[in-house]
Amino acid sequence: MPNKKPVQQCAVIAYRRRKQRLQIALVTSLETRRWVLPKGNIERGLSARASASLEAYEEAGLEGDVAKDSIGTYEYDKSETKGGGRRRVCVFPMVVSRARRDWPEKSMRRRKWMTIKDAMSAVDESGLKKLIATFGEKFAR
């Protein structure tokens, strides 16, 4: 069976500073309740960057300025119940200017602000852990 090309997705590392500490927002996934970045498929007619911004709002109620350039990618395998297959996620940093109290998927997900260290411990995918670490090194200042 030939290897299929991974399906392209997009995500944001939504961040803020509190008391001089860098924090990022994670949300729970719908099915397994794991901690993940707000992410999803690239919407028809939108760029990966614009789609990532939309995912941040829908999944986490976060709005802000999304960087023009991606900080990198990571890959994961989607569960068979959700369509299966390999996914490659292009991740954009987004400085948060507004965290809404209510948002489209609030009843389905939890949102939590975490330090870089805590976020790295919370996520399962090794590629995502590395990407969060890289983000922390670049944005900690």
Protein backbone atom coordinates (compact mmCIF):
# COMPACT_ATOMS: atom_id res chain seq x y z
CA MET A 1 0.00 0.00 0.00
CA PRO A 2 1.61 3.30 -1.05
CA ASN A 3 2.17 6.09 1.45
CA LYS A 4 -0.37 8.84 0.94
CA LYS A 5 0.65 12.46 1.12
CA PRO A 6 -0.36 13.96 4.50
CA VAL A 7 -3.46 16.14 4.57
CA GLN A 8 -2.48 19.77 5.20
CA GLN A 9 -3.88 21.47 8.29
CA CYS A 10 -3.19 24.72 10.10
CA ALA A 11 -2.96 25.83 13.73
CA VAL A 12 -1.99 28.71 15.95
CA ILE A 13 0.21 28.96 18.97
CA ALA A 14 -1.87 31.63 20.67
CA TYR A 15 0.26 33.48 23.20
CA ARG A 16 0.28 36.25 25.76
CA ARG A 17 2.52 37.53 28.54
CA ARG A 18 1.38 37.59 32.15
CA LYS A 19 3.70 38.87 34.88
CA GLN A 20 6.63 38.70 32.45
CA ARG A 21 5.88 35.02 31.72
CA LEU A 22 5.09 33.71 28.27
CA GLN A 23 1.89 31.64 28.16
CA ILE A 24 0.22 29.74 25.34
CA ALA A 25 -3.38 28.57 25.07
CA LEU A 26 -4.24 24.92 24.55
CA VAL A 27 -7.67 23.41 24.00
CA THR A 28 -9.00 19.92 24.51
CA SER A 29 -9.62 17.78 21.46
CA LEU A 30 -13.22 16.79 20.83
CA GLU A 31 -12.91 13.03 21.02
CA THR A 32 -9.97 12.11 23.26
CA ARG A 33 -9.91 15.31 25.39
CA ARG A 34 -6.13 15.59 24.87
CA TRP A 35 -4.52 19.03 25.04
CA VAL A 36 -3.85 20.38 21.53
CA LEU A 37 -3.40 23.64 19.66
CA PRO A 38 -6.47 25.17 18.03
CA LYS A 39 -6.19 23.59 14.58
CA GLY A 40 -8.11 22.33 11.61
CA ASN A 41 -8.30 21.96 7.87
CA ILE A 42 -7.42 24.82 5.57
CA GLU A 43 -10.75 26.31 4.51
CA ARG A 44 -11.55 26.60 0.80
CA GLY A 45 -10.88 30.16 -0.31
CA LEU A 46 -8.73 31.00 2.74
CA SER A 47 -4.98 30.91 3.23
CA ALA A 48 -3.47 28.64 5.88
CA ARG A 49 -2.84 31.75 8.00
CA ALA A 50 -6.46 32.98 7.74
CA SER A 51 -7.78 29.47 8.40
CA ALA A 52 -5.59 29.21 11.51
CA SER A 53 -7.02 32.49 12.79
CA LEU A 54 -10.54 31.17 12.24
CA GLU A 55 -9.72 27.96 14.15
CA ALA A 56 -8.38 30.00 17.09
CA TYR A 57 -11.70 31.83 17.31
CA GLU A 58 -13.97 28.81 16.78
CA GLU A 59 -12.13 26.37 19.05
CA ALA A 60 -10.71 28.69 21.73
CA GLY A 61 -12.46 32.06 21.47
CA LEU A 62 -9.15 33.80 20.79
CA GLU A 63 -8.53 36.73 18.49
CA GLY A 64 -5.28 38.45 17.66
CA ASP A 65 -2.53 39.18 15.20
CA VAL A 66 -1.37 36.06 13.35
CA ALA A 67 2.24 36.15 12.16
CA LYS A 68 2.76 36.19 8.39
CA ASP A 69 5.20 33.29 8.57
CA SER A 70 4.76 29.85 10.06
CA ILE A 71 7.01 28.82 12.95
CA GLY A 72 7.11 25.29 11.55
CA THR A 73 5.12 22.09 11.08
CA TYR A 74 4.45 18.86 12.91
CA GLU A 75 2.74 15.64 11.86
CA TYR A 76 0.32 13.31 13.58
CA ASP A 77 -1.98 10.41 12.76
CA LYS A 78 -5.70 11.17 12.93
CA SER A 79 -7.86 8.54 14.62
CA GLU A 80 -9.80 6.22 12.30
CA THR A 81 -13.10 7.41 13.78
CA LYS A 82 -12.23 10.93 12.58
CA GLY A 83 -11.24 9.93 9.05
CA GLY A 84 -7.81 8.48 9.74
CA GLY A 85 -4.58 9.21 7.93
CA ARG A 86 -1.53 11.37 8.39
CA ARG A 87 -1.83 15.14 8.94
CA ARG A 88 0.83 17.84 8.53
CA VAL A 89 0.04 20.94 10.56
CA CYS A 90 1.48 24.34 9.64
CA VAL A 91 1.65 26.43 12.84
CA PHE A 92 1.46 30.22 13.06
CA PRO A 93 2.20 32.29 16.17
CA MET A 94 -0.68 34.57 17.18
CA VAL A 95 -0.36 37.28 19.82
CA VAL A 96 -3.75 37.34 21.54
CA SER A 97 -5.54 40.67 21.81
CA ARG A 98 -8.90 39.29 22.94
CA ALA A 99 -9.98 36.15 24.77
CA ARG A 100 -13.76 35.86 24.55
CA ARG A 101 -15.82 34.46 27.40
CA ASP A 102 -18.07 32.74 24.90
CA TRP A 103 -17.19 31.19 21.51
CA PRO A 104 -18.65 28.67 19.03
CA GLU A 105 -17.09 25.49 20.51
CA LYS A 106 -17.02 26.50 24.19
CA SER A 107 -19.49 23.79 25.19
CA MET A 108 -17.31 21.13 23.51
CA ARG A 109 -13.80 22.13 24.61
CA ARG A 110 -11.77 23.48 27.49
CA ARG A 111 -9.27 26.30 27.00
CA LYS A 112 -6.30 26.68 29.31
CA TRP A 113 -3.35 29.07 29.45
CA MET A 114 -0.07 27.30 30.21
CA THR A 115 3.61 28.08 30.49
CA ILE A 116 5.80 26.64 27.75
CA LYS A 117 7.05 23.96 30.14
CA ASP A 118 3.53 22.96 31.21
CA ALA A 119 2.29 22.94 27.60
CA MET A 120 5.14 20.66 26.54
CA SER A 121 4.16 18.25 29.32
CA ALA A 122 0.47 18.44 28.42
CA VAL A 123 0.65 17.58 24.70
CA ASP A 124 1.16 14.05 23.42
CA GLU A 125 2.68 14.49 19.95
CA SER A 126 6.50 14.62 20.04
CA GLY A 127 6.65 16.92 17.00
CA LEU A 128 4.31 19.35 18.72
CA LYS A 129 6.42 19.27 21.89
CA LYS A 130 9.46 20.25 19.81
CA LEU A 131 7.57 23.03 18.05
CA ILE A 132 6.37 24.46 21.37
CA ALA A 133 9.97 24.36 22.65
CA THR A 134 11.20 26.18 19.53
CA PHE A 135 8.44 28.75 19.95
CA GLY A 136 9.43 29.25 23.60
CA GLU A 137 13.07 29.83 22.67
CA LYS A 138 12.16 32.41 20.00
CA PHE A 139 9.46 34.29 21.90
CA ALA A 140 10.58 34.05 25.54
CA ARG A 141 12.33 37.41 25.40
